[in-house]
Protein backbone atom coordinates (compact mmCIF):
# COMPACT_ATOMS: atom_id res chain seq x y z
CA MET A 1 -8.27 -34.84 42.62
CA TYR A 2 -9.38 -30.96 42.29
CA MET A 3 -7.83 -30.11 45.57
CA ASN A 4 -4.32 -29.32 43.98
CA LEU A 5 -5.72 -26.79 41.32
CA GLU A 6 -3.93 -23.28 41.68
CA VAL A 7 -6.44 -20.57 40.02
CA THR A 8 -3.51 -19.82 38.11
CA GLN A 9 -3.77 -23.10 35.93
CA LEU A 10 -7.63 -22.48 35.59
CA PRO A 11 -8.53 -21.24 32.20
CA TRP A 12 -7.41 -17.36 31.26
CA ILE A 13 -11.09 -16.43 30.87
CA VAL A 14 -11.67 -17.48 34.94
CA SER A 15 -10.79 -14.75 37.10
CA ARG A 16 -11.53 -14.21 40.91
CA ARG A 17 -14.13 -10.97 40.67
CA ARG A 18 -15.88 -13.52 38.38
CA ILE A 19 -16.18 -15.87 40.11
CA GLY A 20 -16.91 -14.22 43.14
CA LYS A 21 -19.69 -12.19 41.31
CA LEU A 22 -21.12 -15.66 39.89
CA TRP A 23 -20.61 -17.23 43.60
CA ARG A 24 -23.01 -14.36 44.94
CA GLY A 25 -25.64 -15.44 42.78
CA ILE A 26 -26.01 -18.89 43.49
CA PRO A 27 -29.08 -19.17 45.76
CA SER A 28 -27.79 -19.64 49.40
CA GLU A 29 -29.39 -23.15 50.24
CA ARG A 30 -26.99 -24.19 47.21
CA ARG A 31 -23.94 -22.36 48.11
CA LYS A 32 -24.58 -24.16 51.57
CA ALA A 33 -23.29 -27.29 49.59
CA TYR A 34 -19.99 -26.03 48.83
CA ALA A 35 -17.38 -25.25 51.51
CA TRP A 36 -14.40 -22.72 50.23
CA ASN A 37 -12.01 -24.95 51.34
CA ARG A 38 -13.32 -27.10 48.06
CA TRP A 39 -13.41 -23.63 46.35
CA PRO A 40 -12.30 -25.96 42.80
CA LEU A 41 -15.53 -27.66 42.95
CA ALA A 42 -17.21 -24.33 43.59
CA VAL A 43 -15.54 -22.94 40.36
CA LEU A 44 -17.01 -25.16 38.23
CA THR A 45 -20.08 -24.94 39.18
CA CYS A 46 -20.12 -20.84 38.80
CA LEU A 47 -18.87 -21.96 35.48
CA GLY A 48 -21.19 -24.52 34.75
CA LEU A 49 -24.40 -22.29 35.72
CA SER A 50 -22.79 -19.02 33.58
CA LEU A 51 -21.42 -19.32 29.94
CA HIS A 52 -20.98 -15.68 29.36
CA VAL A 53 -17.66 -16.28 31.37
CA LEU A 54 -16.29 -18.40 28.47
CA PRO A 55 -14.52 -15.97 26.30
CA ILE A 56 -17.08 -14.69 23.75
CA ASP A 57 -14.23 -13.77 20.71
CA LEU A 58 -12.18 -16.74 20.68
CA LEU A 59 -15.56 -18.97 20.78
CA ALA A 60 -17.02 -16.63 17.95
CA ALA A 61 -13.52 -17.08 15.72
CA GLN A 62 -13.63 -20.71 16.05
CA SER A 63 -17.31 -21.10 14.37
CA TYR A 64 -16.55 -17.79 12.55
CA PRO A 65 -17.54 -18.09 9.09
CA ASN A 66 -20.75 -20.40 9.26
CA ARG A 67 -22.71 -18.29 6.80
CA PRO A 68 -22.58 -15.97 3.32
CA ILE A 69 -20.28 -12.62 4.06
CA ARG A 70 -21.63 -9.63 3.12
CA MET A 71 -18.92 -7.00 1.83
CA VAL A 72 -20.46 -3.30 0.66
CA VAL A 73 -18.94 -1.37 -1.41
CA PRO A 74 -19.84 2.16 -1.14
CA SER A 75 -19.40 3.08 -5.14
CA SER A 76 -20.77 1.83 -8.22
CA PRO A 77 -19.50 -1.37 -10.21
CA GLY A 78 -16.84 -1.34 -12.10
CA GLY A 79 -14.54 1.27 -10.10
CA GLY A 80 -11.32 1.19 -8.93
CA VAL A 81 -12.94 0.07 -5.59
CA ASP A 82 -15.12 -2.20 -6.49
CA ILE A 83 -12.59 -3.80 -8.67
CA ASN A 84 -9.99 -4.16 -5.72
CA THR A 85 -12.67 -5.82 -3.82
CA ARG A 86 -13.82 -8.03 -6.03
CA ILE A 87 -10.36 -9.42 -6.85
CA VAL A 88 -10.25 -9.44 -2.56
CA SER A 89 -13.91 -10.89 -1.92
CA GLN A 90 -13.12 -14.11 -4.50
CA ARG A 91 -9.95 -15.02 -3.10
CA LEU A 92 -11.23 -14.88 0.73
CA ALA A 93 -14.65 -17.06 -0.16
CA ASP A 94 -11.74 -19.68 -1.27
CA GLN A 95 -10.34 -19.46 1.51
CA LEU A 96 -13.04 -19.13 3.60
CA GLY A 97 -15.76 -22.20 2.14
CA VAL A 98 -18.02 -19.35 2.20
CA SER A 99 -19.68 -17.11 -0.11
CA VAL A 100 -18.37 -13.59 0.45
CA VAL A 101 -21.14 -11.25 -1.39
CA VAL A 102 -20.37 -7.81 -2.84
CA ASP A 103 -22.89 -5.24 -2.40
CA ASN A 104 -22.70 -2.02 -3.92
CA ARG A 105 -24.50 1.16 -2.10
CA ALA A 106 -23.27 3.76 -4.16
CA GLY A 107 -24.09 7.46 -3.32
CA ALA A 108 -22.88 10.96 -1.97
CA SER A 109 -19.04 10.32 -2.23
CA THR A 110 -19.05 6.89 0.15
CA MET A 111 -21.18 7.96 2.85
CA ILE A 112 -24.22 6.19 1.98
CA GLY A 113 -22.83 2.27 1.89
CA THR A 114 -20.26 3.83 5.12
CA GLU A 115 -23.39 3.94 6.81
CA ILE A 116 -25.06 0.84 6.08
CA ALA A 117 -21.44 -0.99 7.15
CA VAL A 118 -21.60 1.22 10.16
CA LYS A 119 -25.36 0.00 11.38
CA ALA A 120 -24.83 -3.72 10.54
CA PRO A 121 -24.58 -6.25 13.65
CA PRO A 122 -20.92 -5.62 14.60
CA ASP A 123 -20.51 -9.56 14.33
CA GLY A 124 -17.86 -10.41 11.13
CA TYR A 125 -20.33 -11.09 8.94
CA THR A 126 -20.69 -7.69 7.12
CA LEU A 127 -17.87 -5.86 6.35
CA ILE A 128 -16.60 -2.83 3.92
CA THR A 129 -14.01 -1.90 1.62
CA VAL A 130 -13.13 1.80 1.64
CA PRO A 131 -10.89 4.28 -0.39
CA MET A 132 -9.01 7.22 1.65
CA GLU A 133 -12.78 9.11 1.11
CA LEU A 134 -12.85 7.88 4.25
CA SER A 135 -10.70 9.88 5.63
CA ILE A 136 -11.89 13.18 3.94
CA ASN A 137 -15.45 13.34 4.15
CA PRO A 138 -15.24 14.93 7.79
CA SER A 139 -13.91 17.85 6.87
CA LEU A 140 -15.33 18.37 3.79
CA TYR A 141 -18.58 17.40 4.99
CA PRO A 142 -20.43 19.29 8.29
CA LYS A 143 -23.24 16.70 9.09
CA ILE A 144 -22.01 12.95 8.70
CA PRO A 145 -24.09 10.46 10.31
CA TYR A 146 -21.36 8.62 11.54
CA ASP A 147 -17.78 8.58 13.60
CA ALA A 148 -15.94 6.85 10.92
CA LEU A 149 -12.65 6.38 13.45
CA ARG A 150 -15.36 5.78 16.30
CA ASP A 151 -17.58 3.61 14.86
CA LEU A 152 -15.79 1.45 12.59
CA ALA A 153 -13.32 -1.17 13.01
CA PRO A 154 -9.77 -1.26 10.95
CA VAL A 155 -9.34 -5.22 9.76
CA ALA A 156 -6.64 -4.69 7.07
CA GLN A 157 -5.03 -2.33 4.25
CA THR A 158 -5.14 -4.15 0.78
CA GLY A 159 -3.74 -2.06 -1.37
CA ALA A 160 -2.02 1.52 -1.69
CA SER A 161 -1.47 3.23 -4.61
CA GLN A 162 -0.49 6.87 -6.19
CA TYR A 163 -1.24 9.93 -8.65
CA ALA A 164 0.92 11.41 -11.43
CA LEU A 165 0.84 14.67 -11.92
CA THR A 166 0.86 15.18 -15.58
CA THR A 167 0.75 17.74 -17.71
CA HIS A 168 0.26 18.62 -21.62
CA PRO A 169 3.14 18.47 -23.65
CA GLY A 170 2.92 21.72 -24.55
CA VAL A 171 3.41 23.44 -21.73
CA PRO A 172 6.90 24.87 -21.05
CA ALA A 173 8.16 22.83 -17.76
CA ASN A 174 10.05 19.64 -17.32
CA SER A 175 10.43 19.27 -13.10
CA VAL A 176 8.29 20.14 -10.32
CA LYS A 177 10.44 23.43 -10.14
CA GLN A 178 9.64 24.61 -13.24
CA LEU A 179 6.10 23.93 -13.08
CA ILE A 180 6.16 25.86 -9.73
CA ALA A 181 8.07 28.68 -11.06
CA LEU A 182 6.16 28.99 -14.47
CA SER A 183 2.67 29.22 -12.64
CA LYS A 184 3.75 32.30 -10.75
CA THR A 185 4.27 34.38 -14.36
CA ARG A 186 1.01 33.36 -15.09
CA PRO A 187 -1.83 35.78 -13.81
CA GLY A 188 -4.60 33.43 -11.97
CA GLY A 189 -1.84 30.66 -12.24
CA LEU A 190 -1.97 27.06 -14.32
CA ASN A 191 -5.22 25.63 -15.18
CA PHE A 192 -5.80 22.76 -13.22
CA GLY A 193 -7.94 19.71 -14.51
CA ASN A 194 -9.65 17.82 -11.49
CA ALA A 195 -12.62 15.36 -11.19
CA GLY A 196 -14.03 17.90 -8.40
CA VAL A 197 -13.92 18.89 -5.27
CA GLY A 198 -12.28 16.76 -2.85
CA SER A 199 -11.59 14.16 -4.85
CA PRO A 200 -8.17 13.21 -4.39
CA GLY A 201 -7.13 15.24 -7.35
CA HIS A 202 -8.24 18.14 -5.94
CA LEU A 203 -6.90 17.70 -2.49
CA ALA A 204 -3.32 16.81 -3.83
CA GLY A 205 -3.14 20.01 -5.95
CA LEU A 206 -4.46 21.99 -2.63
CA LEU A 207 -1.38 20.15 -0.82
CA LEU A 208 0.94 21.38 -3.49
CA GLN A 209 -0.23 24.68 -2.73
CA ALA A 210 0.13 24.72 0.49
CA MET A 211 3.34 23.49 0.61
CA THR A 212 4.78 25.65 -2.43
CA GLY A 213 2.90 28.11 -2.97
CA THR A 214 2.21 27.07 -6.69
CA LYS A 215 -0.88 29.07 -8.23
CA LEU A 216 -3.46 26.87 -9.32
CA LEU A 217 -6.52 27.81 -11.43
CA TYR A 218 -9.28 25.00 -10.18
CA VAL A 219 -11.09 23.62 -13.76
CA THR A 220 -13.48 20.86 -12.75
CA PHE A 221 -14.03 18.32 -15.03
CA LYS A 222 -17.44 15.89 -14.62
CA GLY A 223 -14.37 12.82 -13.51
CA ALA A 224 -11.44 12.17 -13.67
CA GLY A 225 -11.53 10.58 -16.72
CA PRO A 226 -12.77 13.77 -18.71
CA ALA A 227 -9.75 15.82 -16.59
CA VAL A 228 -7.75 13.75 -18.02
CA ILE A 229 -8.78 14.15 -21.70
CA GLY A 230 -8.69 17.87 -20.91
CA ALA A 231 -4.78 17.92 -20.03
CA MET A 232 -4.26 15.96 -23.32
CA SER A 233 -6.20 18.73 -25.32
CA GLY A 234 -5.14 21.35 -23.69
CA GLU A 235 -8.07 22.87 -22.14
CA VAL A 236 -6.04 22.52 -19.17
CA ASP A 237 -2.57 22.76 -18.15
CA LEU A 238 -2.14 19.67 -15.71
CA VAL A 239 -3.88 17.14 -13.60
CA ILE A 240 -3.16 14.92 -10.74
CA SER A 241 -4.85 11.13 -11.89
CA SER A 242 -3.64 7.67 -11.27
CA THR A 243 -1.06 6.13 -12.27
CA ALA A 244 -2.55 3.76 -13.50
CA SER A 245 -5.29 6.04 -16.03
CA VAL A 246 -2.39 8.10 -17.59
CA VAL A 247 0.67 5.72 -17.69
CA ALA A 248 -0.36 4.49 -21.43
CA LEU A 249 -0.55 8.61 -22.43
CA VAL A 250 2.61 9.11 -20.91
CA LYS A 251 4.54 6.39 -23.10
CA SER A 252 2.77 7.57 -25.78
CA GLY A 253 3.76 10.90 -25.43
CA LYS A 254 0.43 12.35 -25.70
CA LEU A 255 0.35 14.03 -21.73
CA ARG A 256 4.15 14.64 -19.88
CA ALA A 257 5.01 13.17 -16.37
CA ILE A 258 6.40 15.50 -14.00
CA ALA A 259 6.56 13.59 -10.46
CA VAL A 260 4.16 11.02 -8.91
CA THR A 261 3.16 12.33 -5.39
CA GLY A 262 4.02 8.68 -3.28
CA LEU A 263 6.92 8.20 -1.25
CA ARG A 264 8.49 5.88 -3.82
CA ARG A 265 8.65 5.62 -7.10
CA PHE A 266 6.17 3.72 -9.65
CA SER A 267 7.69 1.12 -10.94
CA GLU A 268 5.88 1.21 -14.52
CA LEU A 269 7.77 4.93 -14.87
CA PRO A 270 10.94 4.28 -12.79
CA GLU A 271 12.52 7.21 -14.65
CA ILE A 272 9.69 9.67 -12.90
CA PRO A 273 10.66 10.86 -9.34
CA THR A 274 8.45 11.48 -6.40
CA VAL A 275 7.26 15.37 -5.90
CA SER A 276 9.48 15.22 -2.39
CA GLU A 277 12.29 13.67 -4.68
CA ALA A 278 11.73 16.66 -6.83
CA GLY A 279 12.08 19.42 -4.33
CA VAL A 280 9.13 19.97 -2.22
CA PRO A 281 9.90 17.41 1.03
CA GLY A 282 7.73 15.79 2.34
CA TYR A 283 5.21 15.77 -0.26
CA ALA A 284 2.85 12.48 -0.10
CA VAL A 285 -0.85 11.77 -1.70
CA ASN A 286 -1.28 7.96 -1.59
CA GLY A 287 -4.29 6.13 -2.27
CA TRP A 288 -5.57 3.49 -0.52
CA TYR A 289 -7.96 0.30 0.15
CA GLY A 290 -8.92 -0.70 3.35
CA ILE A 291 -11.67 -3.17 4.57
CA LEU A 292 -13.18 -2.41 8.22
CA ALA A 293 -15.69 -4.00 10.05
CA PRO A 294 -18.22 -2.44 12.63
CA ALA A 295 -17.64 -0.94 16.00
CA GLY A 296 -17.35 -3.97 18.79
CA THR A 297 -17.10 -7.00 16.10
CA PRO A 298 -14.62 -9.20 18.00
CA ARG A 299 -11.42 -8.98 18.10
CA ASP A 300 -10.86 -12.49 17.25
CA ILE A 301 -12.42 -12.78 14.17
CA ILE A 302 -11.22 -9.45 13.40
CA ASN A 303 -8.20 -10.78 13.66
CA LYS A 304 -8.97 -13.98 11.63
CA LEU A 305 -9.87 -12.09 8.77
CA ASN A 306 -6.64 -9.81 8.84
CA ALA A 307 -4.80 -13.14 8.29
CA GLU A 308 -6.78 -13.85 5.41
CA ILE A 309 -7.17 -10.64 3.88
CA ALA A 310 -3.04 -10.95 4.01
CA LYS A 311 -3.30 -14.30 2.50
CA ALA A 312 -5.41 -12.99 -0.40
CA VAL A 313 -3.33 -10.45 -0.76
CA GLN A 314 -0.23 -11.50 -1.04
CA HIS A 315 -1.59 -14.64 -3.90
CA PRO A 316 0.04 -14.41 -6.80
CA ALA A 317 -3.07 -13.81 -8.71
CA THR A 318 -3.91 -11.09 -6.72
CA LYS A 319 -0.74 -9.21 -7.26
CA GLU A 320 -0.76 -9.78 -11.25
CA ARG A 321 -4.24 -7.91 -11.06
CA TYR A 322 -3.22 -5.07 -9.00
CA ALA A 323 0.32 -4.42 -10.38
CA SER A 324 -2.35 -3.75 -13.93
CA MET A 325 -4.61 -1.32 -12.29
CA GLY A 326 -1.22 0.21 -10.57
CA VAL A 327 -2.28 -0.42 -7.12
CA GLU A 328 0.45 -1.97 -4.45
CA PRO A 329 -0.11 -4.78 -2.53
CA VAL A 330 -0.13 -4.20 1.23
CA THR A 331 -0.80 -6.05 4.16
CA GLY A 332 -0.11 -5.16 8.10
CA SER A 333 -1.94 -5.72 11.17
CA PRO A 334 -5.42 -4.22 11.94
CA GLN A 335 -3.03 -1.62 14.33
CA GLU A 336 -1.54 -0.19 11.49
CA PHE A 337 -4.38 0.45 9.40
CA GLY A 338 -6.33 1.80 11.86
CA ALA A 339 -2.68 4.65 12.85
CA LEU A 340 -3.28 5.35 9.24
CA LEU A 341 -6.51 6.36 9.12
CA ARG A 342 -6.13 8.76 11.97
CA SER A 343 -3.28 10.45 10.05
CA GLU A 344 -4.77 9.88 6.60
CA THR A 345 -7.64 12.13 8.78
CA GLU A 346 -5.70 14.50 10.56
CA LYS A 347 -3.24 15.31 7.03
CA TRP A 348 -6.70 16.07 5.12
CA SER A 349 -8.54 17.96 8.43
CA ARG A 350 -5.29 20.35 7.56
CA VAL A 351 -5.15 21.24 4.10
CA ILE A 352 -9.00 21.69 3.43
CA LYS A 353 -9.27 23.78 6.69
CA SER A 354 -6.70 25.59 5.08
CA ALA A 355 -8.12 26.02 2.01
CA GLY A 356 -11.54 26.62 3.01
CA VAL A 357 -13.05 24.35 1.55
CA ARG A 358 -16.27 22.97 2.87
CA LEU A 359 -19.80 20.78 1.05
CA ASP A 360 -23.33 20.71 2.66
C-alpha cells in the first residue's frame, strides 16, 4: 500500500532533507535491507528510529498544561499589576484545569522579577505579567541583565489604562492650552507632582514638555498616592496619575481634570478631552499590562495561551473587575503585543534621551 504514497502526502513535519540525514545515519548493513525504489518503507523506518522529527511544539501544546503554572509578578502584592494578574490567573486556572500560582518578586523597578522569568525554562510553566515599565527601564538603567525584546516572548496583552492630567482647583487654567500658557508665565514653571524619576506620571510630563514647551518644575513624592494628595492640598499645581486613582476626586471637586492621556476619552469622565484633542496632536500615554514567556517557549504553547488569555480577559466577571480599576480589556495576537512592546520601547527611549534622564 505504501507504493502509491507521495512525499507531499506525508505529514508536514517530514522533509526530504530530514529523511536524507536520518537515512545516512542508519548503519550500512541495515540500509541494504531497503531499496530506494521502496523509499516509503525507508521513510517510515526513519520516523520510527528518530522521534525528533516530530513537531515538538505541537506535541507539547497537545499535552499542555499538565502541572501548575507559575505567574511571576515583578511588583508587590496589592498594586495594579498584582491585581490584574490575579484576576486573569484565576480565570485561566478555571479554563485550563491546573493551578496558576502568582509569585510576587518585587524590586529594582520590576527588574528582579523580570530576570527570574528570563532565566526560567522555556516550557510554558513560567510566565510573567508586566506593566509599561518593561519598555521604560532599558533607557533609564545602563546595566540591565537581560534584553526584554530578545529574552522574552510576547504572549498577550491583557489590558490598557490611561492617566489624567489634573490640577488643584485653584489653578487658573481650564484647558491644556491655558495650562501651557500659564506655565510660561511662571518663573521656573508649574510645580508638577510625580511619583519619582522614571514613573509613568514623570515620563508623561516629560513628553508634554517635549511636545509643547511647557515649563514644569518636578516635585518628587514617595509614590503616586502622595503626589495626588499634594495636588489636592495645593502643594503642587498639577499631577498626572492613573484615572482610577483620581476619578472620584474629580467628581467630588477636589481635583480638576484638564485632560486624559490616552487616544480615547475615559468612559468614567466622558466630558474630559484627550490631550491630543485639546491641542497637542499625537500625544498619547497609555499604561498597559501583558503576559510574556521566556524566549524559546514553543510557538503552539504561546498560541494556546494567547487564546485562553483572550477568553479570560473577555469574561464578564473580568470586565467588571477591570472597570472598577479603570482598565480596558485588550486582546490581540502575540505579534500585535510584540509590536506594542517595540514601539513603546522606542518612544520612551527618545523621550528619556532627549530629557537626559538616567538612573544608576
